[in-house]
Each structure stands twice: as C-alpha cells, then as structure tokens.
N, C-alpha and C. Protein backbone atom coordinates (compact mmCIF):
# COMPACT_ATOMS: atom_id res chain seq x y z
N MET A 1 -19.14 -25.12 41.53
CA MET A 1 -19.93 -24.54 40.47
C MET A 1 -19.80 -23.03 40.50
N LYS A 2 -19.61 -22.43 39.36
CA LYS A 2 -19.48 -20.98 39.27
C LYS A 2 -20.83 -20.31 39.44
N ASN A 3 -20.81 -19.06 39.87
CA ASN A 3 -22.03 -18.28 39.90
C ASN A 3 -22.30 -17.74 38.50
N PHE A 4 -23.52 -17.90 38.05
CA PHE A 4 -23.89 -17.46 36.72
C PHE A 4 -24.77 -16.22 36.82
N LYS A 5 -24.53 -15.28 35.93
CA LYS A 5 -25.41 -14.13 35.83
C LYS A 5 -26.67 -14.57 35.11
N LYS A 6 -27.79 -13.92 35.41
CA LYS A 6 -29.01 -14.22 34.70
C LYS A 6 -28.85 -13.70 33.28
N CYS A 7 -29.08 -14.55 32.33
CA CYS A 7 -28.85 -14.19 30.94
C CYS A 7 -29.99 -14.75 30.10
N PHE A 8 -30.60 -13.91 29.32
CA PHE A 8 -31.67 -14.34 28.44
C PHE A 8 -31.25 -14.06 27.01
N PHE A 9 -31.28 -15.08 26.18
CA PHE A 9 -30.96 -14.91 24.79
C PHE A 9 -31.68 -15.97 23.98
N PHE A 10 -31.81 -15.71 22.69
CA PHE A 10 -32.49 -16.63 21.80
C PHE A 10 -31.49 -17.57 21.15
N ILE A 11 -31.88 -18.81 21.02
CA ILE A 11 -31.07 -19.80 20.32
C ILE A 11 -31.83 -20.17 19.06
N GLN A 12 -31.23 -19.94 17.91
CA GLN A 12 -31.88 -20.30 16.66
C GLN A 12 -31.79 -21.80 16.49
N ALA A 13 -32.94 -22.45 16.38
CA ALA A 13 -32.96 -23.91 16.27
C ALA A 13 -34.23 -24.35 15.54
N ASP A 14 -34.13 -25.46 14.83
CA ASP A 14 -35.30 -26.06 14.20
C ASP A 14 -36.13 -26.84 15.21
N ILE A 15 -35.44 -27.36 16.22
CA ILE A 15 -36.10 -28.15 17.25
C ILE A 15 -35.30 -28.05 18.55
N VAL A 16 -36.01 -28.05 19.65
CA VAL A 16 -35.36 -28.11 20.97
C VAL A 16 -35.86 -29.39 21.62
N LEU A 17 -34.96 -30.32 21.84
CA LEU A 17 -35.31 -31.62 22.40
C LEU A 17 -35.26 -31.54 23.92
N ILE A 18 -36.42 -31.63 24.55
CA ILE A 18 -36.49 -31.53 26.00
C ILE A 18 -36.38 -32.91 26.64
N SER A 19 -37.11 -33.86 26.11
CA SER A 19 -37.13 -35.19 26.70
C SER A 19 -37.67 -36.20 25.70
N THR A 20 -37.37 -37.48 25.92
CA THR A 20 -37.92 -38.56 25.09
C THR A 20 -38.31 -39.71 26.01
N SER A 21 -38.99 -40.69 25.45
CA SER A 21 -39.35 -41.87 26.23
C SER A 21 -38.23 -42.90 26.23
N GLU A 22 -37.18 -42.66 25.49
CA GLU A 22 -36.05 -43.58 25.41
C GLU A 22 -35.05 -43.34 26.55
N PRO A 23 -34.30 -44.38 26.91
CA PRO A 23 -33.28 -44.21 27.95
C PRO A 23 -32.25 -43.14 27.55
N ASN A 24 -31.79 -42.39 28.49
CA ASN A 24 -30.78 -41.33 28.29
C ASN A 24 -31.26 -40.20 27.39
N GLY A 25 -32.56 -40.09 27.13
CA GLY A 25 -33.07 -38.99 26.32
C GLY A 25 -32.68 -39.04 24.86
N LEU A 26 -32.40 -40.22 24.33
CA LEU A 26 -31.98 -40.34 22.93
C LEU A 26 -33.17 -40.33 21.99
N CYS A 27 -32.94 -39.83 20.77
CA CYS A 27 -33.94 -39.92 19.71
C CYS A 27 -33.23 -39.93 18.37
N PHE A 28 -33.95 -40.33 17.34
CA PHE A 28 -33.43 -40.36 15.98
C PHE A 28 -34.27 -39.41 15.15
N ILE A 29 -33.62 -38.49 14.45
CA ILE A 29 -34.32 -37.45 13.69
C ILE A 29 -34.01 -37.59 12.21
N GLU A 30 -35.07 -37.57 11.40
CA GLU A 30 -34.90 -37.59 9.95
C GLU A 30 -34.88 -36.15 9.47
N THR A 31 -33.83 -35.77 8.75
CA THR A 31 -33.67 -34.38 8.31
C THR A 31 -33.71 -34.23 6.79
N ALA A 32 -34.25 -35.21 6.09
CA ALA A 32 -34.25 -35.19 4.62
C ALA A 32 -34.89 -33.92 4.06
N GLU A 33 -35.93 -33.42 4.69
CA GLU A 33 -36.59 -32.21 4.21
C GLU A 33 -35.74 -30.96 4.42
N LEU A 34 -34.82 -31.01 5.37
CA LEU A 34 -33.97 -29.85 5.67
C LEU A 34 -32.67 -29.86 4.88
N ASP A 35 -31.99 -31.01 4.84
CA ASP A 35 -30.67 -31.04 4.22
C ASP A 35 -30.51 -32.10 3.13
N GLY A 36 -31.57 -32.84 2.82
CA GLY A 36 -31.50 -33.83 1.76
C GLY A 36 -30.87 -35.15 2.16
N GLU A 37 -30.30 -35.24 3.35
CA GLU A 37 -29.69 -36.48 3.80
C GLU A 37 -30.77 -37.45 4.27
N THR A 38 -30.62 -38.71 3.88
CA THR A 38 -31.66 -39.69 4.21
C THR A 38 -31.35 -40.50 5.46
N ASN A 39 -30.15 -40.38 6.00
CA ASN A 39 -29.83 -41.14 7.21
C ASN A 39 -30.41 -40.45 8.45
N LEU A 40 -30.69 -41.24 9.46
CA LEU A 40 -31.22 -40.70 10.71
C LEU A 40 -30.07 -40.15 11.54
N LYS A 41 -30.33 -39.05 12.22
CA LYS A 41 -29.31 -38.44 13.08
C LYS A 41 -29.71 -38.68 14.54
N VAL A 42 -28.74 -39.07 15.35
CA VAL A 42 -28.99 -39.32 16.77
C VAL A 42 -28.84 -37.99 17.51
N ARG A 43 -29.81 -37.69 18.34
CA ARG A 43 -29.75 -36.49 19.18
C ARG A 43 -30.12 -36.89 20.60
N GLN A 44 -29.69 -36.08 21.56
CA GLN A 44 -29.94 -36.38 22.96
C GLN A 44 -30.49 -35.15 23.66
N ALA A 45 -31.47 -35.38 24.53
CA ALA A 45 -32.04 -34.29 25.33
C ALA A 45 -31.02 -33.82 26.34
N LEU A 46 -31.21 -32.64 26.85
CA LEU A 46 -30.33 -32.12 27.89
C LEU A 46 -30.36 -33.01 29.12
N GLU A 47 -29.23 -33.14 29.77
CA GLU A 47 -29.14 -33.94 30.99
C GLU A 47 -30.12 -33.42 32.04
N GLU A 48 -30.30 -32.10 32.06
CA GLU A 48 -31.16 -31.46 33.07
C GLU A 48 -32.64 -31.77 32.84
N THR A 49 -33.04 -32.17 31.62
CA THR A 49 -34.45 -32.39 31.33
C THR A 49 -34.79 -33.81 30.90
N CYS A 50 -33.80 -34.63 30.63
CA CYS A 50 -34.11 -35.96 30.08
C CYS A 50 -34.86 -36.85 31.06
N ASP A 51 -34.80 -36.58 32.36
CA ASP A 51 -35.53 -37.40 33.32
C ASP A 51 -37.04 -37.12 33.32
N LEU A 52 -37.49 -36.13 32.56
CA LEU A 52 -38.93 -35.89 32.43
C LEU A 52 -39.60 -37.00 31.64
N GLU A 53 -38.81 -37.67 30.78
CA GLU A 53 -39.25 -38.77 29.93
C GLU A 53 -40.56 -38.41 29.24
N ASP A 54 -41.53 -39.33 29.24
CA ASP A 54 -42.80 -39.05 28.57
C ASP A 54 -43.95 -38.91 29.57
N HIS A 55 -43.62 -38.45 30.78
CA HIS A 55 -44.64 -38.22 31.81
C HIS A 55 -45.34 -36.89 31.51
N ILE A 56 -46.56 -36.97 31.02
CA ILE A 56 -47.28 -35.79 30.56
C ILE A 56 -47.49 -34.77 31.67
N ASP A 57 -47.70 -35.22 32.90
CA ASP A 57 -47.92 -34.27 34.00
C ASP A 57 -46.66 -33.47 34.30
N ARG A 58 -45.50 -34.14 34.25
CA ARG A 58 -44.23 -33.45 34.50
C ARG A 58 -43.86 -32.54 33.33
N LEU A 59 -44.13 -32.98 32.12
CA LEU A 59 -43.83 -32.16 30.94
C LEU A 59 -44.72 -30.92 30.89
N SER A 60 -45.99 -31.08 31.24
CA SER A 60 -46.91 -29.94 31.17
C SER A 60 -46.61 -28.88 32.22
N SER A 61 -45.95 -29.27 33.31
CA SER A 61 -45.61 -28.28 34.33
C SER A 61 -44.16 -27.81 34.21
N PHE A 62 -43.46 -28.24 33.17
CA PHE A 62 -42.06 -27.86 32.97
C PHE A 62 -41.94 -26.36 32.71
N ASP A 63 -41.04 -25.70 33.42
CA ASP A 63 -40.78 -24.28 33.24
C ASP A 63 -39.27 -24.10 33.20
N GLY A 64 -38.73 -23.88 32.03
CA GLY A 64 -37.29 -23.80 31.86
C GLY A 64 -36.68 -22.45 32.17
N ARG A 65 -37.49 -21.50 32.59
CA ARG A 65 -36.96 -20.15 32.83
C ARG A 65 -35.95 -20.08 33.96
N ASN A 66 -36.01 -21.00 34.90
CA ASN A 66 -35.10 -20.94 36.04
C ASN A 66 -34.02 -22.01 36.00
N MET A 67 -33.86 -22.61 34.82
CA MET A 67 -32.85 -23.66 34.69
C MET A 67 -31.46 -23.07 34.57
N LYS A 68 -30.51 -23.75 35.13
CA LYS A 68 -29.11 -23.37 34.96
C LYS A 68 -28.46 -24.47 34.16
N ILE A 69 -28.19 -24.19 32.90
CA ILE A 69 -27.57 -25.19 32.03
C ILE A 69 -26.32 -24.63 31.39
N LYS A 70 -25.45 -25.51 31.01
CA LYS A 70 -24.23 -25.11 30.33
C LYS A 70 -24.46 -25.35 28.83
N ILE A 71 -24.29 -24.30 28.07
CA ILE A 71 -24.45 -24.38 26.62
C ILE A 71 -23.10 -24.20 25.97
N SER A 72 -22.72 -25.14 25.15
CA SER A 72 -21.46 -25.01 24.43
C SER A 72 -21.76 -24.77 22.96
N PHE A 73 -21.03 -23.84 22.38
CA PHE A 73 -21.24 -23.48 20.97
C PHE A 73 -20.15 -24.04 20.12
C-alpha cells in the first residue's frame, strides 16, 4: 500500500452512501426527480463502510475523517 498524504477536499454529490442493511452495501435509488428517468439505479456503499450495515450504534459513532479510501474519478 502506498503512503498517502493527508488531503481534504469536497466531493460534489447529491448523496453519499455510507452503508445499507442489504448484503454488500447495495441499494436501489430512484432519480426521477433529478433526471426524469423512472428506472431504479443500483448503487453500492464503500467497501470500507458497508460493514456498518444498519447498526445504529456503529453508525452514530462513525467518523470518516481518518479513513483511507481510494477514490476514482
């Protein structure tokens, strides 16, 4: 694993999916109000956070400031 510099930047997004109650962090999102499309879009939570699932105690103590994740654009 490479050494990463500490980097803080904003990601423009309508939603940031941290975790879901479904296996593998999957969810289906309806975007008709945003883009007019009526089909559901499949999205997946980050591998680093999907194990939080729907455990309210773990989600409420989640602090992403020290996470090391790979973001691809």
